[in-house]
Amino acid sequence: MASAKEMRLRRQQRGRLVADINVAPFVDVMLVLVIILMITAPLLTFGVPVDLPQAKVKEITDTTEPLIVTVDKEGHLFLQEAATEIEALVPRLVALSGANPNLRIYLRGDRALQYGRVMEVMSLVTEAGFTRVALITETPRVHAAPNR
């Protein structure tokens, strides 16, 4: 049997606060956040989905950030990633470019789109004074030759 002194000492030790940091909840939360990030990251695609035509051209190596005008397959117009009306395109381009006519503007048009719609947008941009307008295409996919 334990003496009264030993019993008192045990009771005092039971009542003490533990000063250790429990990291298990922190690790659990971090693992959940990592899993959520891994699941959502591939879903966060940017830009307007457009099926670009293919052409063999030199790759763009310009390091300055261009303005991108996109016309999707329904003919809807986007400046950067924001939908815009054709009447508001030029004022928004001027505002975003700081009225710099030498800023490069890329025009992306869906492959299924009528050529006239792309040219309508391109003529609006060039009539506004922007001289560096480029059409964006995809490089053709090279298919492997069959083995004989």
C-alpha atoms as a PDB file:
ATOM      1  CA  MET A   1       0.000   0.000   0.000  1.00  0.00           C
ATOM      2  CA  ALA A   2       1.037   3.545  -0.717  1.00  0.00           C
ATOM      3  CA  SER A   3       1.599   5.991   2.070  1.00  0.00           C
ATOM      4  CA  ALA A   4      -0.443   9.185   2.460  1.00  0.00           C
ATOM      5  CA  LYS A   5       2.479  11.249   1.226  1.00  0.00           C
ATOM      6  CA  GLU A   6       2.745   9.220  -1.996  1.00  0.00           C
ATOM      7  CA  MET A   7      -1.033   9.499  -2.566  1.00  0.00           C
ATOM      8  CA  ARG A   8      -0.921  13.272  -2.214  1.00  0.00           C
ATOM      9  CA  LEU A   9       2.009  13.480  -4.673  1.00  0.00           C
ATOM     10  CA  ARG A  10       0.082  11.407  -7.257  1.00  0.00           C
ATOM     11  CA  ARG A  11      -2.990  13.631  -6.937  1.00  0.00           C
ATOM     12  CA  GLN A  12      -0.862  16.743  -7.470  1.00  0.00           C
ATOM     13  CA  GLN A  13       0.757  15.242 -10.562  1.00  0.00           C
ATOM     14  CA  ARG A  14      -2.632  14.353 -12.087  1.00  0.00           C
ATOM     15  CA  GLY A  15      -3.847  17.941 -11.831  1.00  0.00           C
ATOM     16  CA  ARG A  16      -0.879  19.491 -13.669  1.00  0.00           C
ATOM     17  CA  LEU A  17      -1.364  20.994 -17.117  1.00  0.00           C
ATOM     18  CA  VAL A  18       0.495  19.402 -19.987  1.00  0.00           C
ATOM     19  CA  ALA A  19       2.674  21.911 -21.814  1.00  0.00           C
ATOM     20  CA  ASP A  20       3.285  19.745 -24.888  1.00  0.00           C
ATOM     21  CA  ILE A  21       1.902  20.890 -28.239  1.00  0.00           C
ATOM     22  CA  ASN A  22      -0.336  18.344 -29.898  1.00  0.00           C
ATOM     23  CA  VAL A  23       0.469  18.542 -33.632  1.00  0.00           C
ATOM     24  CA  ALA A  24      -1.854  15.744 -34.739  1.00  0.00           C
ATOM     25  CA  PRO A  25      -4.864  18.051 -35.436  1.00  0.00           C
ATOM     26  CA  PHE A  26      -2.604  20.470 -37.306  1.00  0.00           C
ATOM     27  CA  VAL A  27      -1.236  17.661 -39.477  1.00  0.00           C
ATOM     28  CA  ASP A  28      -4.766  16.389 -40.151  1.00  0.00           C
ATOM     29  CA  VAL A  29      -5.931  19.804 -41.314  1.00  0.00           C
ATOM     30  CA  MET A  30      -2.870  20.279 -43.515  1.00  0.00           C
ATOM     31  CA  LEU A  31      -3.356  16.873 -45.162  1.00  0.00           C
ATOM     32  CA  VAL A  32      -6.999  17.678 -45.890  1.00  0.00           C
ATOM     33  CA  LEU A  33      -5.964  21.003 -47.437  1.00  0.00           C
ATOM     34  CA  VAL A  34      -3.319  19.306 -49.592  1.00  0.00           C
ATOM     35  CA  ILE A  35      -5.860  16.754 -50.827  1.00  0.00           C
ATOM     36  CA  ILE A  36      -8.367  19.514 -51.657  1.00  0.00           C
ATOM     37  CA  LEU A  37      -5.669  21.435 -53.524  1.00  0.00           C
ATOM     38  CA  MET A  38      -4.643  18.344 -55.482  1.00  0.00           C
ATOM     39  CA  ILE A  39      -8.233  17.725 -56.530  1.00  0.00           C
ATOM     40  CA  THR A  40      -9.111  21.301 -57.465  1.00  0.00           C
ATOM     41  CA  ALA A  41      -5.848  22.376 -59.157  1.00  0.00           C
ATOM     42  CA  PRO A  42      -6.469  20.485 -62.430  1.00  0.00           C
ATOM     43  CA  LEU A  43      -9.986  21.913 -62.565  1.00  0.00           C
ATOM     44  CA  LEU A  44      -8.751  25.506 -62.424  1.00  0.00           C
ATOM     45  CA  THR A  45      -8.125  26.048 -66.114  1.00  0.00           C
ATOM     46  CA  PHE A  46      -7.881  29.630 -67.171  1.00  0.00           C
ATOM     47  CA  GLY A  47      -9.075  31.300 -70.305  1.00  0.00           C
ATOM     48  CA  VAL A  48     -11.967  30.804 -72.633  1.00  0.00           C
ATOM     49  CA  PRO A  49     -12.147  27.343 -74.218  1.00  0.00           C
ATOM     50  CA  VAL A  50     -11.518  27.753 -77.946  1.00  0.00           C
ATOM     51  CA  ASP A  51     -10.712  25.138 -80.570  1.00  0.00           C
ATOM     52  CA  LEU A  52      -7.914  26.986 -82.375  1.00  0.00           C
ATOM     53  CA  PRO A  53      -7.052  26.263 -86.002  1.00  0.00           C
ATOM     54  CA  GLN A  54      -3.700  24.615 -86.667  1.00  0.00           C
ATOM     55  CA  ALA A  55      -0.877  26.157 -88.672  1.00  0.00           C
ATOM     56  CA  LYS A  56       2.886  25.810 -88.950  1.00  0.00           C
ATOM     57  CA  VAL A  57       4.243  29.121 -87.685  1.00  0.00           C
ATOM     58  CA  LYS A  58       7.147  30.394 -85.623  1.00  0.00           C
ATOM     59  CA  GLU A  59       6.524  30.235 -81.868  1.00  0.00           C
ATOM     60  CA  ILE A  60       5.890  33.516 -80.021  1.00  0.00           C
ATOM     61  CA  THR A  61       8.860  34.571 -77.908  1.00  0.00           C
ATOM     62  CA  ASP A  62       7.648  38.010 -76.806  1.00  0.00           C
ATOM     63  CA  THR A  63       8.149  38.462 -73.047  1.00  0.00           C
ATOM     64  CA  THR A  64       5.731  41.360 -72.557  1.00  0.00           C
ATOM     65  CA  GLU A  65       2.218  40.551 -71.374  1.00  0.00           C
ATOM     66  CA  PRO A  66      -0.171  40.890 -74.354  1.00  0.00           C
ATOM     67  CA  LEU A  67      -3.872  41.615 -74.408  1.00  0.00           C
ATOM     68  CA  ILE A  68      -5.879  38.638 -75.644  1.00  0.00           C
ATOM     69  CA  VAL A  69      -9.137  38.995 -77.540  1.00  0.00           C
ATOM     70  CA  THR A  70     -11.047  35.728 -77.968  1.00  0.00           C
ATOM     71  CA  VAL A  71     -14.040  34.878 -80.147  1.00  0.00           C
ATOM     72  CA  ASP A  72     -15.603  31.538 -79.150  1.00  0.00           C
ATOM     73  CA  LYS A  73     -17.530  29.190 -81.426  1.00  0.00           C
ATOM     74  CA  GLU A  74     -20.843  30.949 -80.694  1.00  0.00           C
ATOM     75  CA  GLY A  75     -19.296  34.297 -81.697  1.00  0.00           C
ATOM     76  CA  HIS A  76     -19.148  35.680 -78.144  1.00  0.00           C
ATOM     77  CA  LEU A  77     -16.326  38.130 -77.544  1.00  0.00           C
ATOM     78  CA  PHE A  78     -13.899  38.070 -74.587  1.00  0.00           C
ATOM     79  CA  LEU A  79     -11.171  40.518 -73.609  1.00  0.00           C
ATOM     80  CA  GLN A  80      -8.639  38.641 -71.537  1.00  0.00           C
ATOM     81  CA  GLU A  81     -11.132  36.307 -69.803  1.00  0.00           C
ATOM     82  CA  ALA A  82     -14.007  38.739 -69.334  1.00  0.00           C
ATOM     83  CA  ALA A  83     -17.006  38.649 -71.672  1.00  0.00           C
ATOM     84  CA  THR A  84     -17.551  41.905 -73.523  1.00  0.00           C
ATOM     85  CA  GLU A  85     -19.793  43.329 -76.197  1.00  0.00           C
ATOM     86  CA  ILE A  86     -18.320  44.329 -79.537  1.00  0.00           C
ATOM     87  CA  GLU A  87     -19.249  47.993 -78.925  1.00  0.00           C
ATOM     88  CA  ALA A  88     -17.253  48.001 -75.671  1.00  0.00           C
ATOM     89  CA  LEU A  89     -14.173  46.237 -77.094  1.00  0.00           C
ATOM     90  CA  VAL A  90     -12.242  49.275 -78.349  1.00  0.00           C
ATOM     91  CA  PRO A  91     -12.834  51.465 -75.253  1.00  0.00           C
ATOM     92  CA  ARG A  92     -11.789  48.585 -72.997  1.00  0.00           C
ATOM     93  CA  LEU A  93      -8.685  47.898 -75.126  1.00  0.00           C
ATOM     94  CA  VAL A  94      -7.683  51.554 -74.927  1.00  0.00           C
ATOM     95  CA  ALA A  95      -8.227  51.572 -71.148  1.00  0.00           C
ATOM     96  CA  LEU A  96      -6.282  48.357 -70.561  1.00  0.00           C
ATOM     97  CA  SER A  97      -3.418  49.292 -72.861  1.00  0.00           C
ATOM     98  CA  GLY A  98      -3.026  52.797 -71.484  1.00  0.00           C
ATOM     99  CA  ALA A  99      -3.580  54.084 -75.051  1.00  0.00           C
ATOM    100  CA  ASN A 100      -0.329  52.416 -76.135  1.00  0.00           C
ATOM    101  CA  PRO A 101      -0.772  51.580 -79.857  1.00  0.00           C
ATOM    102  CA  ASN A 102       2.411  49.451 -79.841  1.00  0.00           C
ATOM    103  CA  LEU A 103       1.079  46.953 -77.328  1.00  0.00           C
ATOM    104  CA  ARG A 104       0.735  43.487 -78.832  1.00  0.00           C
ATOM    105  CA  ILE A 105      -2.818  42.160 -79.086  1.00  0.00           C
ATOM    106  CA  TYR A 106      -3.475  38.483 -79.755  1.00  0.00           C
ATOM    107  CA  LEU A 107      -6.707  37.475 -81.456  1.00  0.00           C
ATOM    108  CA  ARG A 108      -7.935  33.929 -80.844  1.00  0.00           C
ATOM    109  CA  GLY A 109     -10.813  32.673 -82.980  1.00  0.00           C
ATOM    110  CA  ASP A 110     -12.470  29.275 -82.757  1.00  0.00           C
ATOM    111  CA  ARG A 111     -11.925  26.979 -85.732  1.00  0.00           C
ATOM    112  CA  ALA A 112     -15.697  26.544 -86.245  1.00  0.00           C
ATOM    113  CA  LEU A 113     -16.212  30.310 -86.406  1.00  0.00           C
ATOM    114  CA  GLN A 114     -16.908  32.074 -89.681  1.00  0.00           C
ATOM    115  CA  TYR A 115     -13.895  33.908 -91.057  1.00  0.00           C
ATOM    116  CA  GLY A 116     -15.905  37.133 -91.374  1.00  0.00           C
ATOM    117  CA  ARG A 117     -16.499  37.366 -87.609  1.00  0.00           C
ATOM    118  CA  VAL A 118     -12.753  37.110 -86.883  1.00  0.00           C
ATOM    119  CA  MET A 119     -11.993  39.755 -89.512  1.00  0.00           C
ATOM    120  CA  GLU A 120     -14.706  42.038 -88.100  1.00  0.00           C
ATOM    121  CA  VAL A 121     -13.038  41.949 -84.687  1.00  0.00           C
ATOM    122  CA  MET A 122      -9.566  42.344 -86.196  1.00  0.00           C
ATOM    123  CA  SER A 123     -10.617  45.373 -88.240  1.00  0.00           C
ATOM    124  CA  LEU A 124     -12.136  47.015 -85.146  1.00  0.00           C
ATOM    125  CA  VAL A 125      -8.875  46.585 -83.272  1.00  0.00           C
ATOM    126  CA  THR A 126      -6.699  47.892 -86.107  1.00  0.00           C
ATOM    127  CA  GLU A 127      -9.044  50.838 -86.790  1.00  0.00           C
ATOM    128  CA  ALA A 128      -8.641  51.799 -83.142  1.00  0.00           C
ATOM    129  CA  GLY A 129      -4.936  52.374 -83.863  1.00  0.00           C
ATOM    130  CA  PHE A 130      -3.418  49.142 -82.588  1.00  0.00           C
ATOM    131  CA  THR A 131      -0.804  48.064 -85.131  1.00  0.00           C
ATOM    132  CA  ARG A 132       0.550  44.892 -83.527  1.00  0.00           C
ATOM    133  CA  VAL A 133      -2.365  42.469 -83.880  1.00  0.00           C
ATOM    134  CA  ALA A 134      -1.549  38.765 -84.253  1.00  0.00           C
ATOM    135  CA  LEU A 135      -3.744  35.733 -84.887  1.00  0.00           C
ATOM    136  CA  ILE A 136      -3.166  32.793 -82.543  1.00  0.00           C
ATOM    137  CA  THR A 137      -3.174  29.205 -83.828  1.00  0.00           C
ATOM    138  CA  GLU A 138      -2.138  25.805 -82.533  1.00  0.00           C
ATOM    139  CA  THR A 139       0.809  23.972 -83.990  1.00  0.00           C
ATOM    140  CA  PRO A 140      -0.304  20.881 -85.920  1.00  0.00           C
ATOM    141  CA  ARG A 141      -0.020  17.571 -84.140  1.00  0.00           C
ATOM    142  CA  VAL A 142       2.474  15.260 -85.788  1.00  0.00           C
ATOM    143  CA  HIS A 143       1.119  11.765 -86.255  1.00  0.00           C
ATOM    144  CA  ALA A 144       3.553   8.868 -86.139  1.00  0.00           C
ATOM    145  CA  ALA A 145       4.012   7.005 -89.399  1.00  0.00           C
ATOM    146  CA  PRO A 146       2.736   3.412 -89.290  1.00  0.00           C
ATOM    147  CA  ASN A 147       5.409   0.703 -89.064  1.00  0.00           C
ATOM    148  CA  ARG A 148       5.751  -1.449 -92.159  1.00  0.00           C
END
